[in-house]
Amino acid sequence: MKILLLTRYGRLGASSRLRTLQYLPWLEAAGMSCTVQALFSDEMLRAKYLSGGYRLAEVLSAYKARVQVLVERNEFDLVWIEKEALPWLPAWVERLLLRGVPYVLDYDDAIFHNYDMHSSICVRQLLGRRIDRLMRHARLVIGGNEYLVRRAREAGASWVETVSTVVDLERYTPRHYSSRRKSLPCIVWIGSPATVHYLESVRQPLAELARRCAYTLRVIGSAFELAGVKVECVPWSEATEVAHIAAGDIGIMPLQDSPWEQGKCGYKLIQYMACGLPVVASPIGVNQIIVRQGENGYLAGSSEQWVSALDRMIDDVAIRRTMGAAGRRRVEVDYCLQAIAPGVRDMLLKAAEGQRRSL
């Protein structure tokens, strides 16, 4: 069985790395041959983080390469697409280049809102239902949470499955709690320059917390400053992210409340929990499912609740240890590659087998 895997990014892009690329060893062990083609390279993504956008010439070159590989689609039994193959083009163009081969769509973000909630009425009219049309004709649509899955069903997709974004337990070691007290408790946030605005949304409660107690804020993957708080900004890398998280004490995931955030899959929380950290998160979207209030963390919907939850955890190592252990157990059951990968493998096999039987 031959799969053409069309990712949005290379390994630097979290969505590509986690939603598709980390499954490759499992698929190859089952006899599937996977050809991977990323639309935007790691080099392009790094440049985007620095400059705020892609260069037009690079984008055109990327689209040309994507079209070229789609022209050769008939060599494959299945096309597995992260999000969309050709963003911002009419759906009929993408469907034409996918004709004759079954395709699977995978979503970990509400990218349909890029189109149906765009500020331009022309974009909304021309592309507002673009993703829905692609979903309707897919052999299978995989969504990272119920919000995404519901949209696929409403679009008319014939086969829809929910698959959470998960971690590989072999990479994640639970935090070791020493009897020796550290000088300062450490609150951890991990993200990118594109998502650091979520951390900005809790600037006020973090500042208020600092007036009550001293702590360190570790920001992984972006720059951030907060007066009165010791902030450690460390660069993200796949090799070091787990160690940077596990050396902390509490993981946080603030979100704003909009339709886009309803499509988030809570991966930060899963990372923290896999490292044995208790969590505090905004009660938005899938966060409300991942966080079990008072068991593996707290949901905080106001500044007062953020301060109260973090203050309670900072003050009590036993609470952090108990909640962290509960979070780790939850990941081992529901949010790890070892539990989820066999099901994803079987879905892809079934999607391709359907095509071979129909021929």
Protein backbone atom coordinates (compact mmCIF):
# COMPACT_ATOMS: atom_id res chain seq x y z
CA MET A 1 0.00 0.00 0.00
CA LYS A 2 1.38 3.39 -1.03
CA ILE A 3 0.34 6.60 0.72
CA LEU A 4 1.04 10.13 -0.46
CA LEU A 5 1.21 12.28 2.68
CA LEU A 6 0.70 15.99 2.02
CA THR A 7 1.66 17.95 5.13
CA ARG A 8 1.44 21.69 5.71
CA TYR A 9 4.98 21.86 7.15
CA GLY A 10 8.06 19.79 7.89
CA ARG A 11 8.94 18.61 11.39
CA LEU A 12 9.29 22.20 12.63
CA GLY A 13 5.53 22.66 12.27
CA ALA A 14 3.82 21.16 15.31
CA SER A 15 0.63 20.26 13.47
CA SER A 16 2.49 18.29 10.79
CA ARG A 17 4.85 16.63 13.23
CA LEU A 18 2.08 15.51 15.57
CA ARG A 19 -0.95 14.87 13.37
CA THR A 20 0.83 12.85 10.68
CA LEU A 21 4.62 12.49 10.78
CA GLN A 22 4.84 10.78 14.16
CA TYR A 23 2.62 7.98 12.81
CA LEU A 24 5.01 7.04 10.01
CA PRO A 25 6.93 4.31 11.91
CA TRP A 26 3.62 2.64 12.81
CA LEU A 27 2.41 2.76 9.23
CA GLU A 28 5.67 1.51 7.78
CA ALA A 29 5.70 -1.36 10.28
CA ALA A 30 2.32 -2.36 8.85
CA GLY A 31 3.73 -2.49 5.32
CA MET A 32 2.62 0.95 4.16
CA SER A 33 5.01 2.94 2.01
CA CYS A 34 4.67 6.68 2.70
CA THR A 35 5.88 9.48 0.47
CA VAL A 36 5.89 12.82 2.34
CA GLN A 37 5.63 16.20 0.64
CA ALA A 38 5.53 19.34 2.78
CA LEU A 39 3.95 22.46 1.31
CA PHE A 40 6.07 24.87 3.39
CA SER A 41 9.58 23.81 4.34
CA ASP A 42 11.17 24.27 7.76
CA GLU A 43 13.31 27.03 6.28
CA MET A 44 10.21 28.90 5.07
CA LEU A 45 8.56 28.54 8.47
CA ARG A 46 11.64 29.85 10.31
CA ALA A 47 11.72 32.85 7.98
CA LYS A 48 8.02 33.45 8.60
CA TYR A 49 8.55 33.54 12.37
CA LEU A 50 11.29 36.14 11.89
CA SER A 51 9.59 38.35 9.29
CA GLY A 52 5.90 37.70 9.93
CA GLY A 53 5.13 36.24 6.50
CA TYR A 54 6.25 34.17 3.53
CA ARG A 55 7.96 35.59 0.45
CA LEU A 56 5.78 35.43 -2.67
CA ALA A 57 8.43 33.73 -4.81
CA GLU A 58 8.83 30.96 -2.23
CA VAL A 59 5.07 30.46 -1.98
CA LEU A 60 4.72 30.16 -5.75
CA SER A 61 7.55 27.64 -5.83
CA ALA A 62 5.91 25.67 -3.02
CA TYR A 63 2.58 25.56 -4.84
CA LYS A 64 4.29 24.45 -8.05
CA ALA A 65 5.94 21.54 -6.23
CA ARG A 66 2.63 20.59 -4.62
CA VAL A 67 0.81 20.57 -7.97
CA GLN A 68 3.57 18.47 -9.52
CA VAL A 69 3.24 15.77 -6.87
CA LEU A 70 -0.56 15.81 -7.18
CA VAL A 71 -0.28 15.21 -10.92
CA GLU A 72 1.43 11.92 -10.02
CA ARG A 73 -1.27 10.94 -7.50
CA ASN A 74 -2.36 7.84 -9.43
CA GLU A 75 0.82 6.09 -8.33
CA PHE A 76 -0.67 5.95 -4.82
CA ASP A 77 -3.50 4.04 -3.15
CA LEU A 78 -4.40 6.91 -0.83
CA VAL A 79 -3.67 10.61 -0.36
CA TRP A 80 -3.52 11.73 3.29
CA ILE A 81 -3.81 15.51 3.57
CA GLU A 82 -3.11 17.67 6.59
CA LYS A 83 -5.74 20.42 6.46
CA GLU A 84 -5.81 21.19 2.72
CA ALA A 85 -3.58 20.56 -0.27
CA LEU A 86 -3.72 24.01 -1.90
CA PRO A 87 -4.81 26.75 0.53
CA TRP A 88 -6.69 29.76 -0.83
CA LEU A 89 -7.48 28.20 -4.21
CA PRO A 90 -11.05 27.31 -5.19
CA ALA A 91 -12.11 23.87 -3.99
CA TRP A 92 -12.70 22.64 -7.55
CA VAL A 93 -8.98 23.05 -8.35
CA GLU A 94 -7.99 20.82 -5.43
CA ARG A 95 -10.71 18.28 -6.20
CA LEU A 96 -9.61 18.11 -9.84
CA LEU A 97 -6.05 17.33 -8.78
CA LEU A 98 -7.31 14.64 -6.38
CA ARG A 99 -9.66 12.98 -8.84
CA GLY A 100 -9.36 9.21 -9.13
CA VAL A 101 -7.64 8.56 -5.79
CA PRO A 102 -9.34 8.44 -2.37
CA TYR A 103 -8.17 11.08 0.05
CA VAL A 104 -8.22 11.56 3.82
CA LEU A 105 -8.38 15.00 5.44
CA ASP A 106 -6.96 15.66 8.90
CA TYR A 107 -7.73 18.78 10.98
CA ASP A 108 -6.38 20.05 14.29
CA ASP A 109 -7.55 23.63 13.75
CA ALA A 110 -10.76 25.29 12.57
CA ILE A 111 -9.14 26.42 9.32
CA PHE A 112 -12.57 26.72 7.69
CA HIS A 113 -12.87 29.95 9.68
CA ASN A 114 -9.98 31.37 7.67
CA TYR A 115 -12.51 31.55 4.86
CA ASP A 116 -16.04 31.74 6.23
CA MET A 117 -15.13 34.41 8.81
CA HIS A 118 -12.69 36.37 6.66
CA SER A 119 -12.95 40.15 6.82
CA SER A 120 -13.39 40.31 3.03
CA ILE A 121 -16.89 39.63 1.75
CA CYS A 122 -15.37 38.44 -1.54
CA VAL A 123 -13.33 35.76 0.26
CA ARG A 124 -16.38 34.69 2.24
CA GLN A 125 -18.51 34.41 -0.90
CA LEU A 126 -15.90 32.69 -3.08
CA LEU A 127 -14.16 30.45 -0.51
CA GLY A 128 -16.44 30.37 2.53
CA ARG A 129 -17.52 26.77 1.90
CA ARG A 130 -14.22 25.63 0.41
CA ILE A 131 -13.28 23.27 3.24
CA ASP A 132 -16.83 21.89 3.43
CA ARG A 133 -16.70 20.89 -0.25
CA LEU A 134 -13.40 19.11 0.29
CA MET A 135 -14.77 17.33 3.35
CA ARG A 136 -17.91 16.21 1.51
CA HIS A 137 -15.90 14.29 -1.08
CA ALA A 138 -13.23 12.85 1.23
CA ARG A 139 -13.09 9.12 1.89
CA LEU A 140 -12.44 9.94 5.55
CA VAL A 141 -12.24 13.11 7.64
CA ILE A 142 -10.28 13.02 10.91
CA GLY A 143 -10.80 15.83 13.43
CA GLY A 144 -8.92 16.53 16.62
CA ASN A 145 -12.02 17.41 18.63
CA GLU A 146 -15.81 17.43 18.48
CA TYR A 147 -16.05 20.97 17.08
CA LEU A 148 -14.04 19.96 14.01
CA VAL A 149 -15.84 16.64 13.66
CA ARG A 150 -19.24 18.30 13.85
CA ARG A 151 -18.32 20.64 11.00
CA ALA A 152 -17.31 17.67 8.84
CA ARG A 153 -20.59 15.93 9.51
CA GLU A 154 -22.55 19.08 8.72
CA ALA A 155 -20.58 19.39 5.48
CA GLY A 156 -21.84 15.96 4.43
CA ALA A 157 -18.69 13.87 4.94
CA SER A 158 -19.61 10.18 4.78
CA TRP A 159 -17.01 8.94 7.28
CA VAL A 160 -15.77 11.09 10.18
CA GLU A 161 -13.57 10.09 13.12
CA THR A 162 -12.24 11.91 16.19
CA VAL A 163 -8.52 11.50 16.88
CA SER A 164 -6.91 13.66 19.56
CA THR A 165 -3.46 15.14 19.10
CA VAL A 166 -1.21 12.86 21.16
CA VAL A 167 2.29 12.47 22.55
CA ASP A 168 4.78 9.64 22.19
CA LEU A 169 5.22 8.26 25.71
CA GLU A 170 8.73 7.07 24.86
CA ARG A 171 9.77 10.73 24.69
CA TYR A 172 7.98 11.92 27.83
CA THR A 173 9.24 11.11 31.30
CA PRO A 174 7.15 12.21 34.30
CA ARG A 175 8.56 14.93 36.50
CA HIS A 176 10.62 13.72 39.45
CA TYR A 177 9.59 15.43 42.67
CA SER A 178 12.54 15.89 44.99
CA SER A 179 12.19 16.33 48.73
CA ARG A 180 14.52 19.32 48.39
CA ARG A 181 12.54 22.51 47.82
CA LYS A 182 13.53 24.57 44.79
CA SER A 183 14.22 28.26 45.24
CA LEU A 184 11.32 29.31 43.00
CA PRO A 185 8.33 27.37 41.61
CA CYS A 186 8.24 27.41 37.83
CA ILE A 187 5.14 28.03 35.67
CA VAL A 188 5.56 26.78 32.09
CA TRP A 189 4.02 27.91 28.80
CA ILE A 190 5.04 26.42 25.45
CA GLY A 191 4.13 27.84 22.07
CA SER A 192 5.41 29.87 19.15
CA PRO A 193 5.62 33.53 18.14
CA ALA A 194 2.29 33.00 16.36
CA THR A 195 0.53 31.95 19.58
CA VAL A 196 2.24 34.02 22.28
CA HIS A 197 -0.71 36.44 22.22
CA TYR A 198 -2.59 33.87 24.30
CA LEU A 199 -0.01 34.34 27.05
CA GLU A 200 -0.60 38.08 26.79
CA SER A 201 -4.22 37.44 27.80
CA VAL A 202 -3.12 36.39 31.32
CA ARG A 203 -0.54 39.14 31.80
CA GLN A 204 -2.64 40.82 34.51
CA PRO A 205 -3.26 37.71 36.67
CA LEU A 206 0.38 36.66 36.33
CA ALA A 207 1.44 40.11 37.54
CA GLU A 208 -1.03 39.92 40.43
CA LEU A 209 0.28 36.47 41.36
CA ALA A 210 3.82 37.88 41.51
CA ARG A 211 2.66 40.38 44.13
CA ARG A 212 1.57 37.44 46.31
CA CYS A 213 4.49 35.07 45.80
CA ALA A 214 7.72 34.75 43.86
CA TYR A 215 7.89 32.37 40.92
CA THR A 216 9.61 31.84 37.58
CA LEU A 217 7.72 31.95 34.29
CA ARG A 218 9.35 29.74 31.66
CA VAL A 219 8.30 30.61 28.09
CA ILE A 220 9.33 27.96 25.57
CA GLY A 221 9.42 28.99 21.93
CA SER A 222 8.83 32.74 22.01
CA ALA A 223 9.88 36.05 23.57
CA PHE A 224 7.89 37.48 26.47
CA GLU A 225 8.47 40.05 29.20
CA LEU A 226 6.55 40.71 32.42
CA ALA A 227 7.56 43.35 34.92
CA GLY A 228 8.10 42.00 38.42
CA VAL A 229 8.42 38.39 37.26
CA LYS A 230 11.52 36.37 36.54
CA VAL A 231 10.88 35.23 32.95
CA GLU A 232 13.02 32.55 31.31
CA CYS A 233 12.61 32.54 27.52
CA VAL A 234 14.12 29.40 26.05
CA PRO A 235 14.20 28.45 22.36
CA TRP A 236 12.06 25.56 21.24
CA SER A 237 13.56 22.45 19.75
CA GLU A 238 12.18 18.96 19.38
CA ALA A 239 15.19 17.61 21.25
CA THR A 240 14.81 19.84 24.33
CA GLU A 241 11.10 20.66 24.69
CA VAL A 242 10.31 17.73 27.00
CA ALA A 243 13.19 18.50 29.38
CA HIS A 244 12.19 22.16 29.56
CA ILE A 245 8.60 21.23 30.42
CA ALA A 246 9.47 18.49 32.90
CA ALA A 247 11.76 20.84 34.82
CA GLY A 248 8.77 23.05 35.59
CA ASP A 249 6.06 22.77 38.22
CA ILE A 250 2.80 23.93 36.60
CA GLY A 251 1.69 24.09 32.96
CA ILE A 252 -0.70 26.77 31.70
CA MET A 253 -2.87 27.13 28.59
CA PRO A 254 -4.77 30.42 28.39
CA LEU A 255 -7.06 30.92 25.39
CA GLN A 256 -9.31 33.62 24.05
CA ASP A 257 -12.96 32.77 23.46
CA SER A 258 -13.73 32.76 19.75
CA PRO A 259 -14.81 30.18 17.14
CA TRP A 260 -11.16 29.65 16.17
CA GLU A 261 -10.25 28.53 19.71
CA GLN A 262 -13.10 25.99 19.64
CA GLY A 263 -10.99 24.11 17.09
CA LYS A 264 -7.90 23.90 19.30
CA CYS A 265 -6.95 20.40 20.41
CA GLY A 266 -5.31 21.15 23.78
CA TYR A 267 -1.90 19.73 22.91
CA LYS A 268 -0.07 21.97 25.38
CA LEU A 269 -2.11 20.48 28.20
CA ILE A 270 -1.34 16.95 27.02
CA GLN A 271 2.38 17.74 26.94
CA TYR A 272 2.31 19.15 30.48
CA MET A 273 0.31 16.19 31.77
CA ALA A 274 2.62 13.69 30.06
CA CYS A 275 5.47 15.27 32.04
CA GLY A 276 3.51 14.90 35.28
CA LEU A 277 2.67 18.60 35.69
CA PRO A 278 -0.68 19.86 36.97
CA VAL A 279 -2.36 22.34 34.65
CA VAL A 280 -4.39 25.53 34.65
CA ALA A 281 -6.35 26.36 31.51
CA SER A 282 -9.09 28.55 30.11
CA PRO A 283 -12.47 26.73 30.12
CA ILE A 284 -12.77 26.88 26.33
CA GLY A 285 -13.31 24.12 23.80
CA VAL A 286 -11.57 20.82 24.35
CA ASN A 287 -9.75 22.19 27.43
CA GLN A 288 -12.97 21.47 29.32
CA ILE A 289 -12.64 17.78 28.44
CA ILE A 290 -8.92 17.37 29.01
CA VAL A 291 -8.86 19.16 32.37
CA ARG A 292 -10.83 17.41 35.09
CA GLN A 293 -11.44 20.13 37.63
CA GLY A 294 -9.63 19.46 40.90
CA GLU A 295 -8.25 16.13 39.64
CA ASN A 296 -5.46 16.95 37.16
CA GLY A 297 -5.73 20.74 37.28
CA TYR A 298 -8.04 23.71 37.29
CA LEU A 299 -10.11 25.61 34.74
CA ALA A 300 -9.85 29.38 35.18
CA GLY A 301 -12.34 31.66 33.47
CA SER A 302 -11.45 34.95 35.15
CA SER A 303 -8.38 36.77 36.40
CA GLU A 304 -9.37 35.97 39.97
CA GLN A 305 -9.64 32.26 39.17
CA TRP A 306 -6.25 32.24 37.45
CA VAL A 307 -4.58 33.85 40.45
CA SER A 308 -6.37 31.60 42.92
CA ALA A 309 -5.57 28.37 41.07
CA LEU A 310 -1.91 29.18 40.53
CA ASP A 311 -1.46 30.47 44.07
CA ARG A 312 -2.96 27.26 45.47
CA MET A 313 -0.63 25.09 43.40
CA ILE A 314 2.46 27.13 44.16
CA ASP A 315 1.72 26.90 47.86
CA ASP A 316 1.16 23.13 47.99
CA VAL A 317 3.68 20.66 46.54
CA ALA A 318 1.41 17.74 47.48
CA ILE A 319 -1.39 19.09 45.28
CA ARG A 320 1.01 19.48 42.38
CA ARG A 321 2.32 15.94 42.82
CA THR A 322 -1.15 14.37 43.08
CA MET A 323 -2.62 16.30 40.15
CA GLY A 324 0.46 15.72 38.04
CA ALA A 325 0.25 11.97 38.58
CA ALA A 326 -3.45 12.00 37.67
CA GLY A 327 -2.67 13.88 34.47
CA ARG A 328 0.03 11.42 33.50
CA ARG A 329 -2.36 8.49 33.99
CA ARG A 330 -4.93 10.25 31.79
CA VAL A 331 -2.39 10.67 29.01
CA GLU A 332 -1.38 7.01 29.20
CA VAL A 333 -4.99 5.97 28.62
CA ASP A 334 -6.37 8.60 26.23
CA TYR A 335 -3.69 10.83 24.73
CA CYS A 336 -0.64 8.82 23.74
CA LEU A 337 0.64 7.51 20.42
CA GLN A 338 0.88 3.99 21.79
CA ALA A 339 -2.88 3.90 22.43
CA ILE A 340 -4.05 5.80 19.34
CA ALA A 341 -1.69 4.82 16.50
CA PRO A 342 -3.15 1.33 15.87
CA GLY A 343 -6.57 2.88 15.29
CA VAL A 344 -5.20 5.50 12.87
CA ARG A 345 -3.34 2.78 10.97
CA ASP A 346 -6.53 0.73 10.63
CA MET A 347 -8.54 3.76 9.44
CA LEU A 348 -6.05 4.45 6.65
CA LEU A 349 -5.98 0.79 5.64
CA LYS A 350 -9.76 0.70 5.48
CA ALA A 351 -9.89 3.93 3.46
CA ALA A 352 -7.48 2.54 0.86
CA GLU A 353 -8.99 -0.94 0.83
CA GLY A 354 -12.34 0.57 -0.09
CA GLN A 355 -10.77 2.02 -3.21
CA ARG A 356 -9.17 -1.28 -4.23
CA ARG A 357 -12.46 -3.17 -3.82
CA SER A 358 -14.31 -0.56 -5.89
CA LEU A 359 -11.80 -1.03 -8.73
